[in-house]
Amino acid sequence: MTYVIVEACIGVKDRACVDVCPVDCIYEGEEMLYIHPDECIDCGACEPECPVTAIFPEEDVPDNMRSYIEKNPLTTAGIAFAVGALLSALIRR
Protein backbone atom coordinates (compact mmCIF):
# COMPACT_ATOMS: atom_id res chain seq x y z
CA MET A 1 0.00 0.00 0.00
CA THR A 2 1.04 3.57 -0.62
CA TYR A 3 -0.63 6.93 -0.22
CA VAL A 4 -2.01 8.88 -3.18
CA ILE A 5 -2.66 12.59 -3.63
CA VAL A 6 -5.80 13.37 -5.66
CA GLU A 7 -7.37 16.32 -7.46
CA ALA A 8 -8.23 18.37 -4.36
CA CYS A 9 -4.53 19.33 -4.29
CA ILE A 10 -4.63 20.92 -7.75
CA GLY A 11 -3.84 24.60 -7.41
CA VAL A 12 -3.44 24.32 -3.63
CA LYS A 13 -0.09 22.56 -3.14
CA ASP A 14 -0.12 23.08 0.63
CA ARG A 15 3.23 21.72 1.81
CA ALA A 16 2.22 20.68 5.34
CA CYS A 17 2.38 17.05 4.19
CA VAL A 18 5.90 17.56 2.84
CA ASP A 19 7.05 18.94 6.19
CA VAL A 20 5.98 15.81 8.10
CA CYS A 21 7.10 13.17 5.60
CA PRO A 22 10.03 11.29 7.19
CA VAL A 23 11.37 10.00 3.84
CA ASP A 24 10.82 13.03 1.56
CA CYS A 25 8.70 11.08 -0.94
CA ILE A 26 6.36 13.97 -1.78
CA TYR A 27 7.27 15.98 -4.85
CA GLU A 28 5.90 19.22 -6.24
CA GLY A 29 4.56 19.10 -9.76
CA GLU A 30 3.29 21.91 -11.94
CA GLU A 31 -0.28 21.74 -10.63
CA MET A 32 -0.15 19.63 -7.48
CA LEU A 33 1.98 17.51 -5.14
CA TYR A 34 2.66 13.82 -5.79
CA ILE A 35 3.74 10.88 -3.63
CA HIS A 36 6.35 8.55 -5.10
CA PRO A 37 4.97 5.06 -4.39
CA ASP A 38 8.38 3.37 -4.32
CA GLU A 39 9.68 5.81 -1.72
CA CYS A 40 6.58 6.00 0.49
CA ILE A 41 6.91 3.91 3.66
CA ASP A 42 3.16 4.00 4.35
CA CYS A 43 3.56 5.75 7.69
CA GLY A 44 0.44 7.89 7.15
CA ALA A 45 1.96 11.04 8.63
CA CYS A 46 0.94 13.09 5.60
CA GLU A 47 -2.75 12.23 5.51
CA PRO A 48 -4.00 14.20 8.55
CA GLU A 49 -1.84 17.21 7.64
CA CYS A 50 -3.57 17.86 4.31
CA PRO A 51 -5.99 20.80 4.74
CA VAL A 52 -8.01 19.82 1.65
CA THR A 53 -8.30 16.06 2.29
CA ALA A 54 -6.41 15.18 -0.88
CA ILE A 55 -4.36 12.28 0.53
CA PHE A 56 -5.72 8.74 0.73
CA PRO A 57 -4.32 5.27 1.28
CA GLU A 58 -4.30 3.67 -2.17
CA GLU A 59 -7.11 1.25 -1.36
CA ASP A 60 -9.32 4.11 -0.08
CA VAL A 61 -9.03 6.42 -3.10
CA PRO A 62 -12.59 7.26 -4.19
CA ASP A 63 -13.69 5.48 -7.36
CA ASN A 64 -13.99 8.72 -9.33
CA MET A 65 -10.35 9.60 -8.51
CA ARG A 66 -8.68 6.23 -9.10
CA SER A 67 -6.80 7.63 -12.13
CA TYR A 68 -4.57 9.49 -9.65
CA ILE A 69 -3.14 6.15 -8.51
CA GLU A 70 -1.48 5.91 -11.92
CA LYS A 71 -0.64 9.63 -12.19
CA ASN A 72 1.41 9.73 -8.99
CA PRO A 73 4.21 7.33 -10.06
CA LEU A 74 4.31 8.63 -13.64
CA THR A 75 4.65 12.22 -12.51
CA THR A 76 7.14 11.57 -9.72
CA ALA A 77 9.33 9.57 -12.09
CA GLY A 78 9.34 12.53 -14.48
CA ILE A 79 10.16 14.95 -11.66
CA ALA A 80 12.97 12.71 -10.38
CA PHE A 81 14.40 12.45 -13.92
CA ALA A 82 14.32 16.24 -14.35
CA VAL A 83 15.98 16.83 -10.98
CA GLY A 84 18.66 14.25 -11.78
CA ALA A 85 19.36 15.88 -15.14
CA LEU A 86 19.60 19.30 -13.53
CA LEU A 87 22.00 18.06 -10.87
CA SER A 88 24.15 16.36 -13.49
CA ALA A 89 24.31 19.60 -15.47
CA LEU A 90 25.31 21.57 -12.39
CA ILE A 91 27.99 19.08 -11.42
CA ARG A 92 29.53 19.25 -14.90
CA ARG A 93 29.99 23.02 -14.63
PDB file of N, CA and C in Angstrom:
ATOM      1  N   MET A   1       0.834  -1.178   0.000  1.00  0.00           N
ATOM      2  CA  MET A   1       0.000   0.000   0.000  1.00  0.00           C
ATOM      3  C   MET A   1       0.882   1.246   0.000  1.00  0.00           C
ATOM      4  N   THR A   2       0.394   2.270  -0.648  1.00  0.00           N
ATOM      5  CA  THR A   2       1.040   3.571  -0.617  1.00  0.00           C
ATOM      6  C   THR A   2      -0.052   4.624  -0.478  1.00  0.00           C
ATOM      7  N   TYR A   3       0.331   5.835  -0.285  1.00  0.00           N
ATOM      8  CA  TYR A   3      -0.626   6.932  -0.223  1.00  0.00           C
ATOM      9  C   TYR A   3      -0.651   7.637  -1.569  1.00  0.00           C
ATOM     10  N   VAL A   4      -1.796   8.233  -1.885  1.00  0.00           N
ATOM     11  CA  VAL A   4      -2.005   8.878  -3.176  1.00  0.00           C
ATOM     12  C   VAL A   4      -2.596  10.266  -2.938  1.00  0.00           C
ATOM     13  N   ILE A   5      -2.103  11.240  -3.685  1.00  0.00           N
ATOM     14  CA  ILE A   5      -2.659  12.589  -3.632  1.00  0.00           C
ATOM     15  C   ILE A   5      -3.581  12.737  -4.838  1.00  0.00           C
ATOM     16  N   VAL A   6      -4.796  13.258  -4.593  1.00  0.00           N
ATOM     17  CA  VAL A   6      -5.801  13.368  -5.656  1.00  0.00           C
ATOM     18  C   VAL A   6      -6.103  14.826  -5.993  1.00  0.00           C
ATOM     19  N   GLU A   7      -7.107  15.032  -6.842  1.00  0.00           N
ATOM     20  CA  GLU A   7      -7.371  16.325  -7.464  1.00  0.00           C
ATOM     21  C   GLU A   7      -7.616  17.493  -6.517  1.00  0.00           C
ATOM     22  N   ALA A   8      -8.002  17.255  -5.293  1.00  0.00           N
ATOM     23  CA  ALA A   8      -8.225  18.368  -4.364  1.00  0.00           C
ATOM     24  C   ALA A   8      -6.962  19.195  -4.147  1.00  0.00           C
ATOM     25  N   CYS A   9      -5.809  18.637  -4.454  1.00  0.00           N
ATOM     26  CA  CYS A   9      -4.533  19.334  -4.292  1.00  0.00           C
ATOM     27  C   CYS A   9      -4.239  20.289  -5.452  1.00  0.00           C
ATOM     28  N   ILE A  10      -4.913  20.097  -6.576  1.00  0.00           N
ATOM     29  CA  ILE A  10      -4.631  20.919  -7.751  1.00  0.00           C
ATOM     30  C   ILE A  10      -4.837  22.396  -7.421  1.00  0.00           C
ATOM     31  N   GLY A  11      -3.790  23.166  -7.658  1.00  0.00           N
ATOM     32  CA  GLY A  11      -3.839  24.599  -7.407  1.00  0.00           C
ATOM     33  C   GLY A  11      -3.602  24.993  -5.957  1.00  0.00           C
ATOM     34  N   VAL A  12      -3.620  24.031  -5.057  1.00  0.00           N
ATOM     35  CA  VAL A  12      -3.438  24.318  -3.631  1.00  0.00           C
ATOM     36  C   VAL A  12      -1.976  24.126  -3.229  1.00  0.00           C
ATOM     37  N   LYS A  13      -1.484  22.928  -3.442  1.00  0.00           N
ATOM     38  CA  LYS A  13      -0.094  22.555  -3.142  1.00  0.00           C
ATOM     39  C   LYS A  13       0.365  22.990  -1.741  1.00  0.00           C
ATOM     40  N   ASP A  14      -0.500  22.798  -0.758  1.00  0.00           N
ATOM     41  CA  ASP A  14      -0.119  23.075   0.627  1.00  0.00           C
ATOM     42  C   ASP A  14       0.972  22.088   1.014  1.00  0.00           C
ATOM     43  N   ARG A  15       2.057  22.558   1.562  1.00  0.00           N
ATOM     44  CA  ARG A  15       3.230  21.722   1.813  1.00  0.00           C
ATOM     45  C   ARG A  15       3.302  21.171   3.239  1.00  0.00           C
ATOM     46  N   ALA A  16       2.218  21.224   3.984  1.00  0.00           N
ATOM     47  CA  ALA A  16       2.224  20.682   5.340  1.00  0.00           C
ATOM     48  C   ALA A  16       2.561  19.198   5.323  1.00  0.00           C
ATOM     49  N   CYS A  17       2.097  18.482   4.298  1.00  0.00           N
ATOM     50  CA  CYS A  17       2.376  17.051   4.187  1.00  0.00           C
ATOM     51  C   CYS A  17       3.868  16.807   3.923  1.00  0.00           C
ATOM     52  N   VAL A  18       4.470  17.686   3.157  1.00  0.00           N
ATOM     53  CA  VAL A  18       5.902  17.561   2.844  1.00  0.00           C
ATOM     54  C   VAL A  18       6.721  17.717   4.129  1.00  0.00           C
ATOM     55  N   ASP A  19       6.319  18.663   4.958  1.00  0.00           N
ATOM     56  CA  ASP A  19       7.053  18.939   6.194  1.00  0.00           C
ATOM     57  C   ASP A  19       7.079  17.762   7.167  1.00  0.00           C
ATOM     58  N   VAL A  20       6.037  16.930   7.158  1.00  0.00           N
ATOM     59  CA  VAL A  20       5.977  15.811   8.104  1.00  0.00           C
ATOM     60  C   VAL A  20       6.447  14.484   7.521  1.00  0.00           C
ATOM     61  N   CYS A  21       6.681  14.429   6.228  1.00  0.00           N
ATOM     62  CA  CYS A  21       7.096  13.168   5.599  1.00  0.00           C
ATOM     63  C   CYS A  21       8.516  12.805   6.026  1.00  0.00           C
ATOM     64  N   PRO A  22       8.697  11.653   6.687  1.00  0.00           N
ATOM     65  CA  PRO A  22      10.028  11.294   7.186  1.00  0.00           C
ATOM     66  C   PRO A  22      10.998  10.818   6.104  1.00  0.00           C
ATOM     67  N   VAL A  23      10.490  10.516   4.897  1.00  0.00           N
ATOM     68  CA  VAL A  23      11.374  10.004   3.845  1.00  0.00           C
ATOM     69  C   VAL A  23      11.402  10.897   2.600  1.00  0.00           C
ATOM     70  N   ASP A  24      10.799  12.068   2.682  1.00  0.00           N
ATOM     71  CA  ASP A  24      10.820  13.026   1.560  1.00  0.00           C
ATOM     72  C   ASP A  24      10.356  12.404   0.251  1.00  0.00           C
ATOM     73  N   CYS A  25       9.209  11.734   0.277  1.00  0.00           N
ATOM     74  CA  CYS A  25       8.700  11.081  -0.936  1.00  0.00           C
ATOM     75  C   CYS A  25       7.621  11.887  -1.633  1.00  0.00           C
ATOM     76  N   ILE A  26       7.389  13.121  -1.174  1.00  0.00           N
ATOM     77  CA  ILE A  26       6.358  13.966  -1.778  1.00  0.00           C
ATOM     78  C   ILE A  26       7.048  15.030  -2.622  1.00  0.00           C
ATOM     79  N   TYR A  27       6.642  15.076  -3.883  1.00  0.00           N
ATOM     80  CA  TYR A  27       7.271  15.977  -4.848  1.00  0.00           C
ATOM     81  C   TYR A  27       6.257  16.996  -5.356  1.00  0.00           C
ATOM     82  N   GLU A  28       6.757  18.181  -5.702  1.00  0.00           N
ATOM     83  CA  GLU A  28       5.897  19.217  -6.241  1.00  0.00           C
ATOM     84  C   GLU A  28       5.905  19.171  -7.759  1.00  0.00           C
ATOM     85  N   GLY A  29       4.717  19.056  -8.320  1.00  0.00           N
ATOM     86  CA  GLY A  29       4.559  19.101  -9.762  1.00  0.00           C
ATOM     87  C   GLY A  29       4.058  20.467 -10.172  1.00  0.00           C
ATOM     88  N   GLU A  30       3.745  20.620 -11.438  1.00  0.00           N
ATOM     89  CA  GLU A  30       3.288  21.909 -11.945  1.00  0.00           C
ATOM     90  C   GLU A  30       1.974  22.343 -11.311  1.00  0.00           C
ATOM     91  N   GLU A  31       1.038  21.396 -11.150  1.00  0.00           N
ATOM     92  CA  GLU A  31      -0.284  21.744 -10.633  1.00  0.00           C
ATOM     93  C   GLU A  31      -0.550  21.284  -9.206  1.00  0.00           C
ATOM     94  N   MET A  32       0.158  20.229  -8.772  1.00  0.00           N
ATOM     95  CA  MET A  32      -0.146  19.629  -7.476  1.00  0.00           C
ATOM     96  C   MET A  32       1.072  18.883  -6.937  1.00  0.00           C
ATOM     97  N   LEU A  33       0.928  18.333  -5.737  1.00  0.00           N
ATOM     98  CA  LEU A  33       1.976  17.510  -5.141  1.00  0.00           C
ATOM     99  C   LEU A  33       1.708  16.051  -5.487  1.00  0.00           C
ATOM    100  N   TYR A  34       2.769  15.244  -5.458  1.00  0.00           N
ATOM    101  CA  TYR A  34       2.662  13.823  -5.787  1.00  0.00           C
ATOM    102  C   TYR A  34       3.484  13.008  -4.801  1.00  0.00           C
ATOM    103  N   ILE A  35       3.013  11.800  -4.500  1.00  0.00           N
ATOM    104  CA  ILE A  35       3.741  10.877  -3.631  1.00  0.00           C
ATOM    105  C   ILE A  35       4.370   9.799  -4.500  1.00  0.00           C
ATOM    106  N   HIS A  36       5.663   9.599  -4.337  1.00  0.00           N
ATOM    107  CA  HIS A  36       6.348   8.546  -5.096  1.00  0.00           C
ATOM    108  C   HIS A  36       6.072   7.219  -4.390  1.00  0.00           C
ATOM    109  N   PRO A  37       5.375   6.299  -5.055  1.00  0.00           N
ATOM    110  CA  PRO A  37       4.965   5.057  -4.393  1.00  0.00           C
ATOM    111  C   PRO A  37       6.118   4.140  -3.986  1.00  0.00           C
ATOM    112  N   ASP A  38       7.242   4.221  -4.677  1.00  0.00           N
ATOM    113  CA  ASP A  38       8.383   3.367  -4.321  1.00  0.00           C
ATOM    114  C   ASP A  38       9.160   3.918  -3.136  1.00  0.00           C
ATOM    115  N   GLU A  39       8.980   5.187  -2.839  1.00  0.00           N
ATOM    116  CA  GLU A  39       9.685   5.811  -1.721  1.00  0.00           C
ATOM    117  C   GLU A  39       8.828   5.911  -0.463  1.00  0.00           C
ATOM    118  N   CYS A  40       7.514   5.879  -0.631  1.00  0.00           N
ATOM    119  CA  CYS A  40       6.578   5.997   0.490  1.00  0.00           C
ATOM    120  C   CYS A  40       6.696   4.770   1.395  1.00  0.00           C
ATOM    121  N   ILE A  41       6.801   5.013   2.697  1.00  0.00           N
ATOM    122  CA  ILE A  41       6.908   3.911   3.660  1.00  0.00           C
ATOM    123  C   ILE A  41       5.565   3.636   4.351  1.00  0.00           C
ATOM    124  N   ASP A  42       4.513   4.241   3.853  1.00  0.00           N
ATOM    125  CA  ASP A  42       3.157   3.999   4.347  1.00  0.00           C
ATOM    126  C   ASP A  42       2.978   4.352   5.823  1.00  0.00           C
ATOM    127  N   CYS A  43       3.661   5.377   6.285  1.00  0.00           N
ATOM    128  CA  CYS A  43       3.557   5.753   7.690  1.00  0.00           C
ATOM    129  C   CYS A  43       2.266   6.504   7.995  1.00  0.00           C
ATOM    130  N   GLY A  44       1.693   7.171   6.975  1.00  0.00           N
ATOM    131  CA  GLY A  44       0.440   7.885   7.154  1.00  0.00           C
ATOM    132  C   GLY A  44       0.566   9.260   7.775  1.00  0.00           C
ATOM    133  N   ALA A  45       1.781   9.734   7.992  1.00  0.00           N
ATOM    134  CA  ALA A  45       1.965  11.042   8.629  1.00  0.00           C
ATOM    135  C   ALA A  45       1.386  12.181   7.796  1.00  0.00           C
ATOM    136  N   CYS A  46       1.394  12.029   6.491  1.00  0.00           N
ATOM    137  CA  CYS A  46       0.940  13.089   5.596  1.00  0.00           C
ATOM    138  C   CYS A  46      -0.570  13.277   5.585  1.00  0.00           C
ATOM    139  N   GLU A  47      -1.291  12.198   5.693  1.00  0.00           N
ATOM    140  CA  GLU A  47      -2.750  12.232   5.508  1.00  0.00           C
ATOM    141  C   GLU A  47      -3.470  13.243   6.401  1.00  0.00           C
ATOM    142  N   PRO A  48      -3.260  13.243   7.718  1.00  0.00           N
ATOM    143  CA  PRO A  48      -4.004  14.201   8.551  1.00  0.00           C
ATOM    144  C   PRO A  48      -3.531  15.648   8.398  1.00  0.00           C
ATOM    145  N   GLU A  49      -2.378  15.852   7.797  1.00  0.00           N
ATOM    146  CA  GLU A  49      -1.843  17.208   7.644  1.00  0.00           C
ATOM    147  C   GLU A  49      -2.435  17.956   6.451  1.00  0.00           C
ATOM    148  N   CYS A  50      -3.042  17.249   5.530  1.00  0.00           N
ATOM    149  CA  CYS A  50      -3.571  17.861   4.313  1.00  0.00           C
ATOM    150  C   CYS A  50      -4.843  18.658   4.633  1.00  0.00           C
ATOM    151  N   PRO A  51      -4.824  19.979   4.400  1.00  0.00           N
ATOM    152  CA  PRO A  51      -5.988  20.801   4.743  1.00  0.00           C
ATOM    153  C   PRO A  51      -7.167  20.643   3.776  1.00  0.00           C
ATOM    154  N   VAL A  52      -6.939  19.983   2.634  1.00  0.00           N
ATOM    155  CA  VAL A  52      -8.015  19.823   1.653  1.00  0.00           C
ATOM    156  C   VAL A  52      -8.423  18.362   1.457  1.00  0.00           C
ATOM    157  N   THR A  53      -7.979  17.489   2.341  1.00  0.00           N
ATOM    158  CA  THR A  53      -8.302  16.061   2.293  1.00  0.00           C
ATOM    159  C   THR A  53      -8.026  15.464   0.916  1.00  0.00           C
ATOM    160  N   ALA A  54      -6.800  15.674   0.443  1.00  0.00           N
ATOM    161  CA  ALA A  54      -6.407  15.180  -0.878  1.00  0.00           C
ATOM    162  C   ALA A  54      -5.544  13.925  -0.807  1.00  0.00           C
ATOM    163  N   ILE A  55      -5.246  13.429   0.382  1.00  0.00           N
ATOM    164  CA  ILE A  55      -4.358  12.281   0.530  1.00  0.00           C
ATOM    165  C   ILE A  55      -5.140  11.096   1.077  1.00  0.00           C
ATOM    166  N   PHE A  56      -5.013   9.966   0.362  1.00  0.00           N
ATOM    167  CA  PHE A  56      -5.718   8.743   0.734  1.00  0.00           C
ATOM    168  C   PHE A  56      -4.781   7.552   0.667  1.00  0.00           C
ATOM    169  N   PRO A  57      -4.989   6.540   1.527  1.00  0.00           N
ATOM    170  CA  PRO A  57      -4.320   5.266   1.284  1.00  0.00           C
ATOM    171  C   PRO A  57      -4.810   4.753  -0.076  1.00  0.00           C
ATOM    172  N   GLU A  58      -3.953   4.103  -0.817  1.00  0.00           N
ATOM    173  CA  GLU A  58      -4.300   3.670  -2.173  1.00  0.00           C
ATOM    174  C   GLU A  58      -5.633   2.932  -2.238  1.00  0.00           C
ATOM    175  N   GLU A  59      -5.877   2.035  -1.306  1.00  0.00           N
ATOM    176  CA  GLU A  59      -7.110   1.250  -1.365  1.00  0.00           C
ATOM    177  C   GLU A  59      -8.359   2.062  -1.004  1.00  0.00           C
ATOM    178  N   ASP A  60      -8.181   3.263  -0.457  1.00  0.00           N
ATOM    179  CA  ASP A  60      -9.321   4.105  -0.082  1.00  0.00           C
ATOM    180  C   ASP A  60      -9.570   5.267  -1.041  1.00  0.00           C
ATOM    181  N   VAL A  61      -8.818   5.341  -2.135  1.00  0.00           N
ATOM    182  CA  VAL A  61      -9.034   6.416  -3.105  1.00  0.00           C
ATOM    183  C   VAL A  61     -10.444   6.268  -3.667  1.00  0.00           C
ATOM    184  N   PRO A  62     -11.231   7.347  -3.644  1.00  0.00           N
ATOM    185  CA  PRO A  62     -12.593   7.264  -4.186  1.00  0.00           C
ATOM    186  C   PRO A  62     -12.588   6.795  -5.648  1.00  0.00           C
ATOM    187  N   ASP A  63     -13.611   6.063  -6.009  1.00  0.00           N
ATOM    188  CA  ASP A  63     -13.686   5.483  -7.356  1.00  0.00           C
ATOM    189  C   ASP A  63     -13.506   6.516  -8.460  1.00  0.00           C
ATOM    190  N   ASN A  64     -14.077   7.702  -8.285  1.00  0.00           N
ATOM    191  CA  ASN A  64     -13.995   8.717  -9.330  1.00  0.00           C
ATOM    192  C   ASN A  64     -12.618   9.400  -9.405  1.00  0.00           C
ATOM    193  N   MET A  65     -11.701   9.015  -8.518  1.00  0.00           N
ATOM    194  CA  MET A  65     -10.355   9.599  -8.510  1.00  0.00           C
ATOM    195  C   MET A  65      -9.264   8.542  -8.657  1.00  0.00           C
ATOM    196  N   ARG A  66      -9.637   7.338  -9.024  1.00  0.00           N
ATOM    197  CA  ARG A  66      -8.676   6.232  -9.101  1.00  0.00           C
ATOM    198  C   ARG A  66      -7.591   6.474 -10.149  1.00  0.00           C
ATOM    199  N   SER A  67      -7.828   7.339 -11.114  1.00  0.00           N
ATOM    200  CA  SER A  67      -6.805   7.634 -12.125  1.00  0.00           C
ATOM    201  C   SER A  67      -5.564   8.266 -11.494  1.00  0.00           C
ATOM    202  N   TYR A  68      -5.714   8.875 -10.326  1.00  0.00           N
ATOM    203  CA  TYR A  68      -4.569   9.491  -9.653  1.00  0.00           C
ATOM    204  C   TYR A  68      -3.594   8.447  -9.108  1.00  0.00           C
ATOM    205  N   ILE A  69      -4.047   7.221  -8.940  1.00  0.00           N
ATOM    206  CA  ILE A  69      -3.142   6.151  -8.509  1.00  0.00           C
ATOM    207  C   ILE A  69      -2.058   5.964  -9.565  1.00  0.00           C
ATOM    208  N   GLU A  70      -2.436   6.053 -10.823  1.00  0.00           N
ATOM    209  CA  GLU A  70      -1.475   5.915 -11.922  1.00  0.00           C
ATOM    210  C   GLU A  70      -0.686   7.197 -12.152  1.00  0.00           C
ATOM    211  N   LYS A  71      -1.310   8.348 -11.942  1.00  0.00           N
ATOM    212  CA  LYS A  71      -0.637   9.629 -12.194  1.00  0.00           C
ATOM    213  C   LYS A  71       0.506   9.880 -11.226  1.00  0.00           C
ATOM    214  N   ASN A  72       0.377   9.450  -9.975  1.00  0.00           N
ATOM    215  CA  ASN A  72       1.415   9.726  -8.989  1.00  0.00           C
ATOM    216  C   ASN A  72       2.765   9.137  -9.385  1.00  0.00           C
ATOM    217  N   PRO A  73       2.883   7.839  -9.709  1.00  0.00           N
ATOM    218  CA  PRO A  73       4.210   7.325 -10.064  1.00  0.00           C
ATOM    219  C   PRO A  73       4.732   7.874 -11.384  1.00  0.00           C
ATOM    220  N   LEU A  74       3.860   8.104 -12.353  1.00  0.00           N
ATOM    221  CA  LEU A  74       4.311   8.634 -13.637  1.00  0.00           C
ATOM    222  C   LEU A  74       4.875  10.038 -13.477  1.00  0.00           C
ATOM    223  N   THR A  75       4.204  10.845 -12.696  1.00  0.00           N
ATOM    224  CA  THR A  75       4.646  12.219 -12.506  1.00  0.00           C
ATOM    225  C   THR A  75       5.900  12.284 -11.644  1.00  0.00           C
ATOM    226  N   THR A  76       5.963  11.502 -10.575  1.00  0.00           N
ATOM    227  CA  THR A  76       7.143  11.568  -9.715  1.00  0.00           C
ATOM    228  C   THR A  76       8.368  11.036 -10.437  1.00  0.00           C
ATOM    229  N   ALA A  77       8.192  10.067 -11.316  1.00  0.00           N
ATOM    230  CA  ALA A  77       9.330   9.569 -12.092  1.00  0.00           C
ATOM    231  C   ALA A  77       9.848  10.666 -13.009  1.00  0.00           C
ATOM    232  N   GLY A  78       8.942  11.422 -13.616  1.00  0.00           N
ATOM    233  CA  GLY A  78       9.338  12.531 -14.476  1.00  0.00           C
ATOM    234  C   GLY A  78      10.035  13.631 -13.701  1.00  0.00           C
ATOM    235  N   ILE A  79       9.533  13.934 -12.503  1.00  0.00           N
ATOM    236  CA  ILE A  79      10.156  14.953 -11.664  1.00  0.00           C
ATOM    237  C   ILE A  79      11.541  14.491 -11.238  1.00  0.00           C
ATOM    238  N   ALA A  80      11.670  13.241 -10.813  1.00  0.00           N
ATOM    239  CA  ALA A  80      12.966  12.711 -10.385  1.00  0.00           C
ATOM    240  C   ALA A  80      13.967  12.739 -11.537  1.00  0.00           C
ATOM    241  N   PHE A  81      13.514  12.413 -12.755  1.00  0.00           N
ATOM    242  CA  PHE A  81      14.398  12.455 -13.920  1.00  0.00           C
ATOM    243  C   PHE A  81      14.878  13.881 -14.169  1.00  0.00           C
ATOM    244  N   ALA A  82      13.965  14.843 -14.107  1.00  0.00           N
ATOM    245  CA  ALA A  82      14.321  16.240 -14.355  1.00  0.00           C
ATOM    246  C   ALA A  82      15.302  16.754 -13.301  1.00  0.00           C
ATOM    247  N   VAL A  83      15.078  16.410 -12.050  1.00  0.00           N
ATOM    248  CA  VAL A  83      15.980  16.833 -10.976  1.00  0.00           C
ATOM    249  C   VAL A  83      17.358  16.206 -11.176  1.00  0.00           C
ATOM    250  N   GLY A  84      17.391  14.930 -11.532  1.00  0.00           N
ATOM    251  CA  GLY A  84      18.661  14.252 -11.784  1.00  0.00           C
ATOM    252  C   GLY A  84      19.423  14.893 -12.927  1.00  0.00           C
ATOM    253  N   ALA A  85      18.716  15.236 -13.993  1.00  0.00           N
ATOM    254  CA  ALA A  85      19.357  15.880 -15.144  1.00  0.00           C
ATOM    255  C   ALA A  85      19.902  17.250 -14.762  1.00  0.00           C
ATOM    256  N   LEU A  86      19.150  17.995 -13.972  1.00  0.00           N
ATOM    257  CA  LEU A  86      19.602  19.303 -13.527  1.00  0.00           C
ATOM    258  C   LEU A  86      20.840  19.187 -12.651  1.00  0.00           C
ATOM    259  N   LEU A  87      20.831  18.254 -11.731  1.00  0.00           N
ATOM    260  CA  LEU A  87      22.001  18.059 -10.866  1.00  0.00           C
ATOM    261  C   LEU A  87      23.228  17.646 -11.670  1.00  0.00           C
ATOM    262  N   SER A  88      23.033  16.787 -12.637  1.00  0.00           N
ATOM    263  CA  SER A  88      24.148  16.364 -13.488  1.00  0.00           C
ATOM    264  C   SER A  88      24.733  17.541 -14.233  1.00  0.00           C
ATOM    265  N   ALA A  89      23.863  18.410 -14.739  1.00  0.00           N
ATOM    266  CA  ALA A  89      24.313  19.597 -15.474  1.00  0.00           C
ATOM    267  C   ALA A  89      25.084  20.528 -14.563  1.00  0.00           C
ATOM    268  N   LEU A  90      24.622  20.692 -13.338  1.00  0.00           N
ATOM    269  CA  LEU A  90      25.310  21.570 -12.385  1.00  0.00           C
ATOM    270  C   LEU A  90      26.669  21.012 -11.981  1.00  0.00           C
ATOM    271  N   ILE A  91      26.738  19.719 -11.818  1.00  0.00           N
ATOM    272  CA  ILE A  91      27.988  19.084 -11.415  1.00  0.00           C
ATOM    273  C   ILE A  91      29.034  19.215 -12.522  1.00  0.00           C
ATOM    274  N   ARG A  92      28.606  19.146 -13.775  1.00  0.00           N
ATOM    275  CA  ARG A  92      29.534  19.251 -14.903  1.00  0.00           C
ATOM    276  C   ARG A  92      30.104  20.652 -15.070  1.00  0.00           C
ATOM    277  N   ARG A  93      29.508  21.634 -14.478  1.00  0.00           N
ATOM    278  CA  ARG A  93      29.989  23.022 -14.630  1.00  0.00           C
ATOM    279  C   ARG A  93      31.265  23.251 -13.924  1.00  0.00           C
TER     280      ARG A  93
END
